[in-house]
Protein backbone atom coordinates (compact mmCIF):
# COMPACT_ATOMS: atom_id res chain seq x y z
CA MET A 1 -7.87 -49.08 43.94
CA ARG A 2 -4.82 -47.05 44.91
CA PHE A 3 -3.94 -43.45 44.09
CA GLY A 4 -0.41 -42.36 43.24
CA ILE A 5 0.31 -41.09 46.76
CA ASP A 6 -0.70 -44.43 48.29
CA ARG A 7 1.56 -46.35 45.92
CA LEU A 8 4.51 -44.06 46.62
CA LEU A 9 4.09 -44.54 50.36
CA ALA A 10 3.56 -48.30 50.15
CA GLU A 11 6.31 -49.20 47.66
CA PRO A 12 9.87 -48.33 48.73
CA ALA A 13 11.12 -49.18 45.24
CA LEU A 14 9.08 -46.28 43.83
CA ARG A 15 10.72 -43.91 46.32
CA ALA A 16 14.24 -45.20 45.70
CA PRO A 17 15.09 -42.61 42.98
CA LEU A 18 14.29 -39.86 45.50
CA ALA A 19 17.02 -40.94 47.92
CA GLY A 20 19.51 -38.16 48.59
CA ARG A 21 17.45 -35.60 46.67
CA ARG A 22 15.55 -32.62 48.06
CA VAL A 23 11.83 -33.17 47.65
CA ALA A 24 9.02 -30.60 47.51
CA LEU A 25 5.27 -31.18 47.42
CA LEU A 26 2.56 -29.26 45.55
CA ALA A 27 -0.72 -30.05 47.27
CA HIS A 28 -4.09 -28.82 48.53
CA PRO A 29 -6.74 -29.97 51.04
CA ALA A 30 -7.79 -33.02 48.99
CA SER A 31 -4.19 -34.27 48.89
CA VAL A 32 -4.85 -37.06 51.34
CA THR A 33 -3.98 -40.73 51.61
CA GLN A 34 -6.50 -43.53 51.69
CA GLY A 35 -6.49 -43.16 55.47
CA LEU A 36 -7.19 -39.40 55.11
CA GLU A 37 -3.75 -38.28 56.29
CA HIS A 38 -2.60 -35.20 54.42
CA SER A 39 0.11 -36.05 51.90
CA LEU A 40 2.50 -33.51 53.41
CA ASP A 41 2.34 -35.23 56.78
CA ALA A 42 2.57 -38.71 55.27
CA LEU A 43 5.61 -37.86 53.16
CA ALA A 44 7.31 -36.06 56.04
CA ALA A 45 7.05 -39.28 58.05
CA CYS A 46 9.04 -41.24 55.46
CA ALA A 47 12.56 -41.62 56.84
CA ASP A 48 14.01 -42.10 53.36
CA LEU A 49 12.66 -38.78 52.01
CA THR A 50 14.11 -35.31 52.56
CA LEU A 51 11.20 -32.87 52.39
CA THR A 52 12.49 -29.31 51.95
CA ALA A 53 9.52 -27.23 50.71
CA ALA A 54 5.84 -27.26 49.85
CA PHE A 55 3.68 -25.32 47.42
CA GLY A 56 -0.01 -24.41 47.51
CA PRO A 57 -2.17 -23.64 44.44
CA GLN A 58 -5.32 -21.48 44.34
CA HIS A 59 -7.21 -21.62 47.66
CA GLY A 60 -4.04 -22.62 49.50
CA LEU A 61 -2.24 -25.72 50.70
CA ARG A 62 -4.74 -26.06 53.53
CA GLY A 63 -7.74 -24.58 51.71
CA ASP A 64 -7.92 -21.26 53.48
CA LYS A 65 -9.55 -19.08 50.80
CA GLN A 66 -13.25 -19.34 49.97
CA ASP A 67 -13.67 -17.32 46.76
CA ASN A 68 -11.83 -16.85 43.47
CA MET A 69 -9.16 -14.15 43.19
CA VAL A 70 -8.41 -14.26 46.92
CA GLU A 71 -4.68 -14.72 47.28
CA SER A 72 -2.79 -16.88 49.77
CA PRO A 73 0.49 -15.84 51.42
CA ASP A 74 3.71 -17.78 51.81
CA PHE A 75 4.26 -19.19 55.30
CA ALA A 76 6.44 -21.52 57.31
CA ASP A 77 4.80 -24.85 58.09
CA PRO A 78 4.50 -24.94 61.89
CA VAL A 79 4.75 -28.74 62.10
CA HIS A 80 7.46 -29.61 59.60
CA GLY A 81 9.47 -26.39 59.63
CA ILE A 82 9.65 -26.03 55.86
CA PRO A 83 8.68 -23.06 53.69
CA VAL A 84 5.27 -23.22 52.01
CA PHE A 85 5.16 -21.12 48.86
CA SER A 86 1.93 -19.78 47.40
CA LEU A 87 1.37 -20.12 43.67
CA TYR A 88 -1.75 -17.99 43.98
CA GLY A 89 -0.40 -14.97 45.81
CA GLU A 90 2.24 -12.51 44.72
CA VAL A 91 3.11 -14.92 41.90
CA ARG A 92 1.37 -17.53 39.78
CA ARG A 93 4.58 -19.06 38.46
CA PRO A 94 7.28 -20.35 40.81
CA THR A 95 10.18 -17.93 41.13
CA ASP A 96 13.82 -18.81 40.60
CA ALA A 97 14.34 -18.67 44.37
CA MET A 98 11.48 -21.11 44.96
CA MET A 99 12.90 -23.51 42.37
CA GLN A 100 16.21 -23.61 44.22
CA THR A 101 14.63 -25.19 47.30
CA PHE A 102 14.18 -28.68 45.79
CA ASP A 103 15.41 -31.20 43.24
CA VAL A 104 12.16 -33.12 42.68
CA LEU A 105 8.64 -31.69 42.87
CA LEU A 106 5.86 -34.13 43.73
CA VAL A 107 2.48 -32.92 42.44
CA ASP A 108 -0.49 -34.38 44.32
CA LEU A 109 -3.53 -32.40 43.23
CA GLN A 110 -7.10 -33.62 42.87
CA ASP A 111 -8.44 -32.16 39.61
CA LEU A 112 -12.08 -31.91 38.47
CA GLY A 113 -11.56 -32.69 34.80
CA CYS A 114 -12.36 -29.18 33.58
CA ARG A 115 -10.10 -26.73 31.70
CA ILE A 116 -11.18 -23.85 33.91
CA TYR A 117 -9.87 -25.47 37.09
CA THR A 118 -6.67 -23.58 37.80
CA PHE A 119 -4.67 -26.53 39.11
CA ILE A 120 -4.17 -27.50 35.45
CA THR A 121 -2.53 -24.15 34.71
CA THR A 122 -0.37 -24.45 37.81
CA LEU A 123 0.84 -27.83 36.55
CA ARG A 124 1.81 -26.22 33.24
CA TYR A 125 3.68 -23.42 35.00
CA VAL A 126 5.70 -25.76 37.24
CA LEU A 127 6.57 -27.98 34.27
CA GLU A 128 7.84 -24.95 32.36
CA ALA A 129 9.86 -23.80 35.38
CA ALA A 130 11.27 -27.30 35.91
CA ALA A 131 12.40 -27.45 32.29
CA ARG A 132 14.26 -24.14 32.69
CA HIS A 133 15.90 -25.12 35.97
CA GLY A 134 16.66 -28.78 35.29
CA LYS A 135 14.32 -30.04 38.01
CA SER A 136 12.25 -33.22 38.06
CA VAL A 137 8.45 -33.34 38.33
CA TRP A 138 6.53 -36.38 39.49
CA VAL A 139 2.72 -36.39 39.37
CA LEU A 140 1.14 -38.66 41.96
CA ASP A 141 -1.90 -39.41 39.85
CA ARG A 142 -5.52 -39.19 41.00
CA PRO A 143 -8.85 -39.90 39.27
CA ASN A 144 -10.61 -37.52 36.96
CA PRO A 145 -14.02 -37.58 38.70
CA ALA A 146 -15.78 -36.42 35.53
CA GLY A 147 -14.43 -39.45 33.71
CA ARG A 148 -13.44 -39.75 30.06
CA PRO A 149 -16.18 -37.84 28.16
CA VAL A 150 -15.07 -34.79 26.16
CA GLU A 151 -17.14 -31.65 25.67
CA GLY A 152 -16.87 -28.00 24.71
CA LEU A 153 -15.11 -25.64 22.37
CA THR A 154 -11.32 -25.69 22.12
CA LEU A 155 -9.62 -22.63 23.60
CA ARG A 156 -8.72 -20.27 20.75
CA PRO A 157 -5.25 -18.73 20.18
CA GLY A 158 -4.82 -15.52 22.13
CA TRP A 159 -7.29 -16.56 24.84
CA GLU A 160 -4.81 -18.32 27.12
CA SER A 161 -5.21 -17.34 30.78
CA PHE A 162 -4.91 -18.72 34.26
CA VAL A 163 -8.21 -20.52 33.58
CA GLY A 164 -7.16 -21.52 30.07
CA ALA A 165 -3.80 -23.28 30.03
CA GLY A 166 -3.92 -24.43 26.44
CA PRO A 167 -5.98 -25.49 23.41
CA MET A 168 -8.21 -28.11 25.00
CA PRO A 169 -12.01 -28.31 25.36
CA MET A 170 -13.80 -27.46 28.59
CA ARG A 171 -14.16 -31.12 29.62
CA HIS A 172 -10.87 -32.78 28.73
CA GLY A 173 -11.29 -36.32 30.08
CA LEU A 174 -7.67 -36.72 31.26
CA THR A 175 -6.03 -37.24 34.63
CA LEU A 176 -3.49 -34.70 35.85
CA GLY A 177 -0.69 -37.14 35.08
CA GLU A 178 -1.94 -37.53 31.53
CA LEU A 179 -2.28 -33.77 31.16
CA GLY A 180 1.38 -33.44 32.13
CA HIS A 181 2.33 -35.61 29.17
CA TRP A 182 0.12 -33.48 26.92
CA PHE A 183 1.68 -30.23 28.13
CA ILE A 184 5.18 -31.58 27.63
CA GLY A 185 4.37 -32.70 24.10
CA THR A 186 2.43 -29.59 23.13
CA LEU A 187 4.94 -27.12 24.59
CA LYS A 188 7.94 -29.24 23.55
CA LEU A 189 9.40 -29.16 27.05
CA ASP A 190 12.63 -30.92 27.93
CA VAL A 191 11.88 -31.97 31.48
CA ASP A 192 12.42 -35.05 33.63
CA TYR A 193 8.80 -36.12 34.15
CA ARG A 194 7.26 -39.16 35.77
CA VAL A 195 3.75 -40.25 36.65
CA VAL A 196 3.18 -42.52 39.63
CA GLU A 197 0.12 -44.17 38.13
CA MET A 198 -2.99 -45.29 39.94
CA GLU A 199 -3.82 -48.96 40.27
CA GLY A 200 -7.32 -50.15 39.49
CA TRP A 201 -8.82 -46.93 38.12
CA ARG A 202 -11.81 -47.78 35.93
CA PRO A 203 -13.23 -44.53 34.54
CA ASP A 204 -16.08 -46.23 32.70
CA ALA A 205 -17.30 -48.28 35.66
CA ALA A 206 -20.57 -47.56 37.46
CA PRO A 207 -21.57 -46.02 39.74
CA GLY A 208 -18.73 -43.49 39.95
CA PHE A 209 -17.68 -43.29 36.27
CA GLY A 210 -14.34 -41.76 37.21
CA TRP A 211 -14.55 -41.49 40.98
CA PRO A 212 -14.31 -44.69 43.10
CA LEU A 213 -17.60 -44.25 44.93
CA GLY A 214 -17.72 -46.33 48.08
CA GLU A 215 -13.95 -46.85 48.07
CA ARG A 216 -12.55 -43.37 48.64
CA THR A 217 -13.73 -40.41 50.69
CA TRP A 218 -14.41 -37.20 48.81
CA VAL A 219 -12.46 -34.25 50.23
CA ASN A 220 -13.12 -30.81 48.74
CA PRO A 221 -10.24 -29.91 46.40
CA SER A 222 -11.49 -26.34 46.59
CA PRO A 223 -14.06 -24.82 48.97
CA ASN A 224 -16.98 -24.94 46.52
CA ALA A 225 -16.32 -28.48 45.24
CA PRO A 226 -18.25 -30.40 47.91
CA ASN A 227 -19.10 -33.65 46.13
CA LEU A 228 -18.96 -35.77 43.00
CA TRP A 229 -22.23 -34.34 41.69
CA MET A 230 -20.70 -30.88 41.56
CA ALA A 231 -17.73 -32.30 39.65
CA ARG A 232 -20.06 -33.84 37.09
CA ALA A 233 -21.90 -30.57 36.45
CA TYR A 234 -18.89 -28.28 36.73
CA ALA A 235 -17.87 -28.20 33.06
CA GLY A 236 -21.18 -26.41 32.45
CA THR A 237 -21.98 -24.58 35.67
CA VAL A 238 -18.53 -22.97 35.85
CA MET A 239 -19.73 -20.70 33.03
CA LEU A 240 -22.09 -19.12 35.56
CA GLU A 241 -19.05 -17.39 37.05
CA GLY A 242 -19.20 -15.18 33.96
CA ALA A 243 -22.95 -14.56 34.28
CA THR A 244 -25.13 -12.51 36.61
CA LEU A 245 -27.01 -15.66 37.61
CA SER A 246 -26.04 -17.29 40.89
CA GLU A 247 -24.15 -20.56 40.61
CA GLY A 248 -25.20 -21.44 44.14
CA ARG A 249 -22.18 -20.04 45.98
CA GLY A 250 -23.43 -19.26 49.43
CA THR A 251 -25.62 -22.38 49.45
CA THR A 252 -24.85 -25.97 50.39
CA ARG A 253 -24.97 -27.10 46.73
CA PRO A 254 -22.68 -24.71 44.84
CA LEU A 255 -22.19 -25.24 41.11
CA GLU A 256 -25.01 -27.75 40.93
CA LEU A 257 -27.67 -25.11 40.36
CA PHE A 258 -28.33 -21.72 38.81
CA GLY A 259 -30.89 -18.99 39.30
CA ALA A 260 -31.70 -15.40 40.21
CA PRO A 261 -34.50 -13.45 41.91
CA ASP A 262 -35.99 -12.47 38.53
CA VAL A 263 -35.82 -15.88 36.83
CA ASP A 264 -38.86 -18.07 36.16
CA ALA A 265 -37.21 -21.47 36.48
CA ARG A 266 -40.10 -23.49 35.13
CA GLY A 267 -40.35 -21.24 32.12
CA VAL A 268 -36.60 -21.54 31.47
CA VAL A 269 -36.68 -25.34 31.64
CA ALA A 270 -39.72 -25.47 29.34
CA GLU A 271 -37.90 -23.30 26.82
CA MET A 272 -34.81 -25.52 27.08
CA ARG A 273 -36.92 -28.59 26.37
CA SER A 274 -38.49 -26.87 23.41
CA LEU A 275 -35.14 -25.84 21.93
CA ALA A 276 -32.96 -28.94 22.37
CA PRO A 277 -34.44 -31.77 24.45
CA GLN A 278 -31.49 -33.99 23.46
CA TRP A 279 -29.15 -31.74 25.47
CA LEU A 280 -31.06 -32.44 28.69
CA ARG A 281 -30.48 -36.18 28.66
CA GLY A 282 -28.61 -38.02 31.38
CA CYS A 283 -29.73 -35.93 34.35
CA THR A 284 -32.82 -34.64 36.11
CA LEU A 285 -33.64 -30.94 36.29
CA ARG A 286 -35.64 -29.67 39.26
CA ASP A 287 -36.91 -26.13 39.73
CA CYS A 288 -36.12 -24.88 43.20
CA TRP A 289 -35.72 -21.85 45.47
CA PHE A 290 -32.57 -20.82 47.30
CA GLU A 291 -31.13 -17.83 49.16
CA PRO A 292 -27.36 -17.36 48.93
CA THR A 293 -25.73 -16.40 52.21
CA PHE A 294 -22.83 -14.76 50.32
CA HIS A 295 -21.74 -13.91 46.76
CA LYS A 296 -24.19 -13.06 43.98
CA HIS A 297 -27.76 -12.23 45.11
CA MET A 298 -26.75 -12.60 48.76
CA GLY A 299 -29.76 -12.63 51.06
CA ARG A 300 -32.28 -12.62 48.19
CA LEU A 301 -34.64 -15.45 47.33
CA CYS A 302 -33.71 -16.91 43.96
CA ASN A 303 -35.75 -19.12 41.67
CA GLY A 304 -33.53 -21.59 39.96
CA VAL A 305 -32.78 -25.03 38.59
CA GLN A 306 -30.80 -27.82 40.25
CA ILE A 307 -29.00 -30.34 38.05
CA HIS A 308 -29.30 -33.80 39.63
CA THR A 309 -26.79 -36.47 38.66
CA GLU A 310 -26.81 -38.53 41.85
CA ASP A 311 -29.72 -40.89 41.21
CA ALA A 312 -30.63 -43.75 38.90
CA GLY A 313 -31.57 -41.28 36.17
CA TYR A 314 -27.95 -40.33 35.61
CA ASP A 315 -26.51 -41.47 32.28
CA HIS A 316 -22.78 -40.82 32.17
CA ARG A 317 -22.43 -41.00 28.41
CA ALA A 318 -25.55 -38.96 27.68
CA PHE A 319 -24.95 -36.17 30.21
CA ARG A 320 -23.57 -33.04 28.56
CA PRO A 321 -23.20 -30.29 31.18
CA TRP A 322 -21.57 -27.72 28.88
CA ARG A 323 -24.40 -27.95 26.37
CA LEU A 324 -27.00 -27.96 29.14
CA GLN A 325 -25.71 -24.72 30.66
CA ALA A 326 -25.31 -23.10 27.26
CA LEU A 327 -28.92 -24.01 26.55
CA ALA A 328 -30.05 -22.42 29.81
CA PHE A 329 -28.37 -19.16 28.80
CA LYS A 330 -30.02 -19.39 25.39
CA ALA A 331 -33.45 -20.01 26.92
CA ILE A 332 -33.15 -16.96 29.18
CA ARG A 333 -32.00 -14.82 26.26
CA ARG A 334 -34.96 -15.96 24.15
CA LEU A 335 -37.46 -15.37 26.95
CA HIS A 336 -35.92 -12.05 28.00
CA PRO A 337 -33.87 -10.56 25.13
CA ASP A 338 -32.64 -7.63 27.25
CA TYR A 339 -31.71 -9.66 30.34
CA PRO A 340 -28.31 -8.44 31.70
CA LEU A 341 -26.83 -11.90 31.49
CA TRP A 342 -23.07 -11.29 31.31
CA ARG A 343 -20.91 -10.02 34.17
CA ASP A 344 -18.30 -7.42 33.27
CA PHE A 345 -15.33 -7.64 35.65
CA PRO A 346 -11.63 -8.65 35.43
CA TYR A 347 -12.13 -12.39 35.80
CA GLU A 348 -8.90 -14.04 36.97
CA TYR A 349 -7.13 -10.72 36.36
CA GLU A 350 -7.92 -10.64 32.63
CA LEU A 351 -8.62 -7.02 31.69
CA GLY A 352 -10.66 -5.86 28.74
CA LYS A 353 -12.37 -9.21 28.15
CA LEU A 354 -15.79 -10.41 29.26
CA ALA A 355 -15.56 -13.13 31.89
CA ILE A 356 -17.77 -15.49 29.91
CA ASP A 357 -15.33 -15.26 26.98
CA VAL A 358 -12.29 -15.87 29.20
CA ILE A 359 -14.02 -18.92 30.64
CA ASN A 360 -14.87 -20.32 27.21
CA GLY A 361 -11.52 -19.50 25.64
CA GLY A 362 -13.09 -17.17 23.10
CA PRO A 363 -16.34 -15.33 22.32
CA ALA A 364 -18.11 -18.04 20.28
CA LEU A 365 -20.37 -19.34 23.07
CA ARG A 366 -21.55 -15.86 24.09
CA GLU A 367 -22.10 -14.85 20.47
CA TRP A 368 -24.21 -17.96 19.94
CA VAL A 369 -26.33 -17.17 23.00
CA ASP A 370 -26.84 -13.55 21.97
CA ASP A 371 -27.64 -14.23 18.30
CA PRO A 372 -31.44 -14.59 17.96
CA ALA A 373 -31.02 -16.55 14.73
CA ALA A 374 -28.50 -19.05 16.10
CA SER A 375 -29.87 -22.53 16.79
CA PRO A 376 -28.64 -25.47 18.89
CA ALA A 377 -27.54 -27.07 15.62
CA ASP A 378 -25.22 -24.12 15.03
CA LEU A 379 -23.48 -24.60 18.38
CA GLU A 380 -23.30 -28.34 17.75
CA ALA A 381 -21.59 -27.62 14.43
CA LEU A 382 -18.96 -25.54 16.26
CA ALA A 383 -18.33 -27.90 19.16
CA ALA A 384 -18.48 -31.36 17.60
CA PRO A 385 -15.37 -30.96 15.36
CA ASP A 386 -13.39 -29.60 18.31
CA GLU A 387 -14.43 -32.53 20.48
CA GLN A 388 -13.59 -35.09 17.82
CA ALA A 389 -10.19 -33.52 17.22
CA TRP A 390 -9.40 -33.58 20.95
CA GLU A 391 -10.46 -37.22 21.24
CA ALA A 392 -7.85 -38.05 18.62
CA GLU A 393 -5.19 -35.71 20.03
CA ARG A 394 -5.37 -36.98 23.60
CA ARG A 395 -5.21 -40.66 22.61
CA GLY A 396 -1.44 -40.83 22.88
CA CYS A 397 -1.54 -39.42 26.44
CA LEU A 398 -3.90 -42.01 27.94
CA LEU A 399 -2.34 -44.10 30.68
CA TYR A 400 -5.40 -46.11 31.74
């Protein structure tokens, strides 16, 4: 199969509309060609393109920032001599001055298929800016490694944030190019928009179910996204960023596991199986021990659970990471009613709101966890209508 960047490089006819226009690129470390050349370098080598600027999202164009809420500066690219503007530094939205440096913005970002991943919000912001300034936006499309399944509560009005770009569920099942169409339709933007589509993407095909395993190399789109297995679990494990439990940052398997020094992992899994065994399907849970070298519980031995989706036990349609992680929270709350589960800090600069609520686009998930009378059926009754509505809403945006 071929990604959008590979098609643009290989097909001069696709590039023809860019002739005589100033071109900018929005990219990150996973913005590479099939031969693993960074897209910035590959595009700069095209004699028929005039590259005048580049932009980096959260974690930077070259992936220089390890943790969340660590900003990247603007800089001059030492190889190509063009300005590189940070969209996760002094600003989150491109300024008027930045928008004057190009005519067409190429967006080549590897997404993870999860609402919380900030590259989605950055796409929205550049589309809005392009509409105001009369600029063109082309998305060089890439796979959604989590595939087509949909899961989670829809973000509620008033809960928009840099990790919540709009009313979609946690696991949206769209590519970035498709999301661009959804943003334009939802926000009623008048913008010149084009998707350079992939060729041969089969999101329902084994073994990758969204990612072309064996065909393309995985390059971390952000520092703690080391492999496909993380991407599969991420729509659930990202909620750990709003909890006191470790999500495995500071280990070699971040966002595939959860735990803490005072957690009895076997007891938690047993309680999960007792509450909602149907929510544990499609993966294998293994109790384990780990010691984070940085971040939460640094240097302390944690008992935890690893979510395995890399073996023959993985069932793409059955696996529900958002429900699984919600169930883990519920099990801990039932076993230890007074456990200090929720972190209280300004997550992604949102003040006065609990991080877990910002992540979930509203308080409903946390309230379900903390309500002793609430059952898995109650959360199912909240989530299922949202998921069904999104399945219908996104249908007109599907390109593959």
